[in-house]
Amino acid sequence: MEADKNLDLDNEALEKEEAVKEASVEADDNIEETSSAKETDENTSEAEKSGEEAEEDKKTAKKEKKLGKKKDKNIEKLEEKIADLEDKRVRQLAEFENFRKRSEKEKSQMFEVGAKSVIEKILPVMDNFERGLQAVPEEEKDAPFVQGVEMVYKQMLTAFDEIGVKPIEAVGEVFDPNLHNAVMAVDDDNFESGTISEELQKGYMYKESVVRHSMVKVVN
């Protein structure tokens, strides 16, 4: 009886030991499964995270590309605006330069018209000086009064020359309707046909324009 009892106890102990081993193996399996599941979850999480980061990178790249295109478009608009402003500036400078030249030309023309008007009023005085000096008898040309008149006449000629007023050449010159006014046609063997044989009234030019035409006789 005692032996049977001990045998039963041994069997029970073995069964308990087997149960403990099975429980231990099961626990290890659970730990492994839990660890594996955890690793799987972590891998999945990292994969999802990597996917999210890649998506964010794509979105960022798209935004940057969009911003780049917008920036390029803004630069093109600014460049077009700058080119337009530069074109307007150049046109305004050209217009101003034309206006300045036109103003200077008009001012010069107005001054020339005014100068010619003054010169035309002085010319009769010059004519009277010339007529007066030509009318002086030869024996009186050395008289102080005559010398004084001649000096004033020469001073006026010098002043005319300094401001650009010059007498028009006439006697012996070929008749030019732009410079001379023919009032008579004569026969003169001393001159060729079409030349001026005598000057009846002296003509004058102011710079490049005629103030008064010379009054002349032209040979037939």
Protein backbone atom coordinates (compact mmCIF):
# COMPACT_ATOMS: atom_id res chain seq x y z
CA MET A 1 0.00 0.00 0.00
CA GLU A 2 2.76 2.39 0.95
CA ALA A 3 4.57 1.64 -2.32
CA ASP A 4 1.48 2.39 -4.39
CA LYS A 5 1.06 5.66 -2.59
CA ASN A 6 4.63 6.68 -3.32
CA LEU A 7 4.23 5.68 -6.96
CA ASP A 8 1.16 7.84 -7.25
CA LEU A 9 3.06 10.77 -5.72
CA ASP A 10 5.89 10.30 -8.22
CA ASN A 11 3.48 10.19 -11.13
CA GLU A 12 1.77 13.30 -9.87
CA ALA A 13 5.12 15.08 -9.53
CA LEU A 14 6.05 14.09 -13.06
CA GLU A 15 2.74 15.31 -14.34
CA LYS A 16 3.25 18.63 -12.54
CA GLU A 17 6.77 18.90 -13.90
CA GLU A 18 5.48 18.19 -17.42
CA ALA A 19 2.76 20.78 -16.94
CA VAL A 20 5.36 23.32 -15.76
CA LYS A 21 7.54 22.56 -18.79
CA GLU A 22 4.58 22.90 -21.14
CA ALA A 23 3.61 26.17 -19.46
CA SER A 24 7.17 27.41 -19.78
CA VAL A 25 7.33 26.46 -23.45
CA GLU A 26 3.96 28.08 -24.02
CA ALA A 27 5.13 31.22 -22.24
CA ASP A 28 8.27 31.31 -24.36
CA ASP A 29 6.18 30.90 -27.48
CA ASN A 30 3.88 33.71 -26.33
CA ILE A 31 6.92 35.90 -25.63
CA GLU A 32 8.33 35.14 -29.07
CA GLU A 33 4.97 35.80 -30.70
CA THR A 34 4.60 39.03 -28.74
CA SER A 35 8.14 40.09 -29.66
CA SER A 36 7.58 39.13 -33.26
CA ALA A 37 4.28 40.96 -33.29
CA LYS A 38 5.96 43.98 -31.70
CA GLU A 39 8.73 43.89 -34.28
CA THR A 40 6.13 43.51 -37.03
CA ASP A 41 4.21 46.46 -35.61
CA GLU A 42 7.40 48.49 -35.36
CA ASN A 43 8.37 47.57 -38.92
CA THR A 44 4.88 48.40 -40.11
CA SER A 45 5.02 51.69 -38.21
CA GLU A 46 8.42 52.52 -39.68
CA ALA A 47 7.20 51.58 -43.16
CA GLU A 48 4.11 53.73 -42.71
CA LYS A 49 6.32 56.52 -41.36
CA SER A 50 8.68 56.17 -44.33
CA GLY A 51 5.68 56.25 -46.67
CA GLU A 52 4.33 59.37 -44.97
CA GLU A 53 7.75 61.04 -45.14
CA ALA A 54 8.03 60.15 -48.84
CA GLU A 55 4.56 61.58 -49.41
CA GLU A 56 5.52 64.74 -47.51
CA ASP A 57 8.68 64.98 -49.59
CA LYS A 58 6.62 64.66 -52.75
CA LYS A 59 4.22 67.35 -51.56
CA THR A 60 7.13 69.61 -50.59
CA ALA A 61 8.78 69.01 -53.98
CA LYS A 62 5.50 69.85 -55.74
CA LYS A 63 5.12 73.03 -53.67
CA GLU A 64 8.70 74.06 -54.40
CA LYS A 65 8.22 73.36 -58.11
CA LYS A 66 5.00 75.36 -58.09
CA LEU A 67 6.68 78.20 -56.22
CA GLY A 68 9.60 78.02 -58.66
CA LYS A 69 7.25 78.34 -61.64
CA LYS A 70 5.42 81.21 -59.96
CA LYS A 71 8.73 82.89 -59.21
CA ASP A 72 9.89 82.46 -62.81
CA LYS A 73 6.60 83.93 -64.03
CA ASN A 74 6.99 86.91 -61.68
CA ILE A 75 10.56 87.43 -62.90
CA GLU A 76 9.36 87.36 -66.51
CA LYS A 77 6.67 89.95 -65.70
CA LEU A 78 9.22 92.17 -63.95
CA GLU A 79 11.64 91.85 -66.87
CA GLU A 80 8.85 92.78 -69.31
CA LYS A 81 7.92 95.77 -67.14
CA ILE A 82 11.56 96.87 -66.92
CA ALA A 83 11.94 96.55 -70.70
CA ASP A 84 8.75 98.57 -71.22
CA LEU A 85 9.93 101.29 -68.83
CA GLU A 86 13.36 101.36 -70.50
CA ASP A 87 11.69 101.73 -73.89
CA LYS A 88 9.58 104.62 -72.57
CA ARG A 89 12.65 106.24 -71.05
CA VAL A 90 14.57 106.03 -74.34
CA ARG A 91 11.58 107.44 -76.25
CA GLN A 92 11.23 110.32 -73.78
CA LEU A 93 14.95 111.10 -74.04
CA ALA A 94 14.68 111.08 -77.84
CA GLU A 95 11.62 113.33 -77.71
CA PHE A 96 13.36 115.69 -75.29
CA GLU A 97 16.47 115.80 -77.52
CA ASN A 98 14.31 116.56 -80.57
CA PHE A 99 12.47 119.25 -78.61
CA ARG A 100 15.77 120.78 -77.47
CA LYS A 101 17.17 120.84 -81.01
CA ARG A 102 13.91 122.25 -82.37
CA SER A 103 13.85 124.92 -79.65
CA GLU A 104 17.45 125.89 -80.36
CA LYS A 105 16.74 126.06 -84.09
CA GLU A 106 13.62 128.18 -83.54
CA LYS A 107 15.50 130.44 -81.12
CA SER A 108 18.33 130.81 -83.62
CA GLN A 109 15.85 131.59 -86.40
CA MET A 110 14.05 134.13 -84.24
CA PHE A 111 17.38 135.75 -83.34
CA GLU A 112 18.37 135.77 -87.02
CA VAL A 113 15.06 137.38 -88.00
CA GLY A 114 15.52 140.01 -85.29
CA ALA A 115 19.14 140.67 -86.31
CA LYS A 116 18.20 140.97 -89.98
CA SER A 117 15.44 143.41 -89.06
CA VAL A 118 17.94 145.63 -87.20
CA ILE A 119 20.54 145.34 -90.00
CA GLU A 120 17.95 146.33 -92.62
CA LYS A 121 17.28 149.53 -90.67
CA ILE A 122 21.02 150.35 -90.48
CA LEU A 123 21.77 149.72 -94.17
CA PRO A 124 20.27 153.02 -95.37
CA VAL A 125 22.66 154.78 -92.99
CA MET A 126 25.56 152.88 -94.56
CA ASP A 127 24.27 153.88 -98.01
CA ASN A 128 24.25 157.54 -97.02
CA PHE A 129 27.81 157.28 -95.68
CA GLU A 130 28.94 155.80 -99.01
CA ARG A 131 27.09 158.40 -101.09
CA GLY A 132 28.42 161.21 -98.92
CA LEU A 133 32.02 160.00 -99.19
CA GLN A 134 31.70 159.50 -102.99
CA ALA A 135 30.39 163.03 -103.38
CA VAL A 136 33.39 164.64 -101.61
CA PRO A 137 35.66 166.45 -104.11
CA GLU A 138 39.18 165.07 -104.44
CA GLU A 139 40.77 168.23 -102.99
CA GLU A 140 38.64 167.99 -99.82
CA LYS A 141 39.22 164.31 -98.99
CA ASP A 142 42.05 165.18 -96.59
CA ALA A 143 39.86 167.54 -94.60
CA PRO A 144 39.48 166.56 -90.88
CA PHE A 145 35.68 166.33 -91.13
CA VAL A 146 35.83 164.04 -94.15
CA GLN A 147 38.49 161.92 -92.45
CA GLY A 148 36.25 161.62 -89.36
CA VAL A 149 33.23 160.55 -91.43
CA GLU A 150 35.32 157.96 -93.27
CA MET A 151 36.63 156.62 -89.95
CA VAL A 152 33.06 156.18 -88.62
CA TYR A 153 32.10 154.43 -91.86
CA LYS A 154 35.04 152.00 -91.55
CA GLN A 155 34.16 151.32 -87.90
CA MET A 156 30.63 150.40 -88.97
CA LEU A 157 31.99 148.08 -91.66
CA THR A 158 34.25 146.42 -89.03
CA ALA A 159 31.30 146.01 -86.65
CA PHE A 160 29.23 144.47 -89.45
CA ASP A 161 32.03 142.04 -90.24
CA GLU A 162 32.34 140.99 -86.56
CA ILE A 163 28.64 140.14 -86.26
CA GLY A 164 28.61 138.24 -89.56
CA VAL A 165 27.31 140.91 -91.95
CA LYS A 166 29.29 140.98 -95.19
CA PRO A 167 28.81 142.86 -98.49
CA ILE A 168 27.87 140.76 -101.50
CA GLU A 169 30.48 140.68 -104.27
CA ALA A 170 29.03 142.10 -107.45
CA VAL A 171 31.15 143.82 -110.16
CA GLY A 172 32.86 141.23 -112.36
CA GLU A 173 30.88 138.36 -110.80
CA VAL A 174 28.47 136.12 -112.71
CA PHE A 175 24.90 137.20 -112.11
CA ASP A 176 23.20 135.12 -109.42
CA PRO A 177 19.47 135.77 -108.88
CA ASN A 178 19.85 134.49 -105.32
CA LEU A 179 22.27 137.34 -104.54
CA HIS A 180 21.72 140.02 -107.16
CA ASN A 181 18.80 142.05 -108.41
CA ALA A 182 19.28 143.04 -112.06
CA VAL A 183 17.64 146.39 -112.82
CA MET A 184 19.36 147.04 -116.15
CA ALA A 185 20.87 145.05 -119.03
CA VAL A 186 23.71 146.76 -120.90
CA ASP A 187 26.24 146.12 -123.63
CA ASP A 188 29.81 146.29 -122.39
CA ASP A 189 32.80 144.84 -124.22
CA ASN A 190 34.87 144.91 -121.02
CA PHE A 191 32.74 142.15 -119.44
CA GLU A 192 31.52 138.76 -120.56
CA SER A 193 27.86 138.12 -121.15
CA GLY A 194 25.95 137.40 -117.96
CA THR A 195 28.41 139.18 -115.69
CA ILE A 196 27.79 142.28 -113.59
CA SER A 197 29.27 145.49 -114.98
CA GLU A 198 28.13 147.95 -112.30
CA GLU A 199 26.71 147.93 -108.75
CA LEU A 200 23.99 150.51 -108.15
CA GLN A 201 23.32 149.56 -104.54
CA LYS A 202 25.44 147.34 -102.33
CA GLY A 203 23.88 144.14 -101.10
CA TYR A 204 24.56 142.44 -97.76
CA MET A 205 24.38 138.97 -96.25
CA TYR A 206 23.92 138.04 -92.60
CA LYS A 207 25.71 134.75 -92.07
CA GLU A 208 24.18 132.47 -94.75
CA SER A 209 21.06 134.48 -95.60
CA VAL A 210 20.61 137.54 -97.79
CA VAL A 211 19.57 140.71 -95.97
CA ARG A 212 19.43 142.80 -99.12
CA HIS A 213 20.13 141.86 -102.74
CA SER A 214 22.68 143.86 -104.69
CA MET A 215 21.11 146.18 -107.27
CA VAL A 216 23.18 145.72 -110.43
CA LYS A 217 23.60 146.16 -114.19
CA VAL A 218 24.10 142.93 -116.14
CA VAL A 219 25.92 142.59 -119.45
CA ASN A 220 23.85 141.19 -122.32
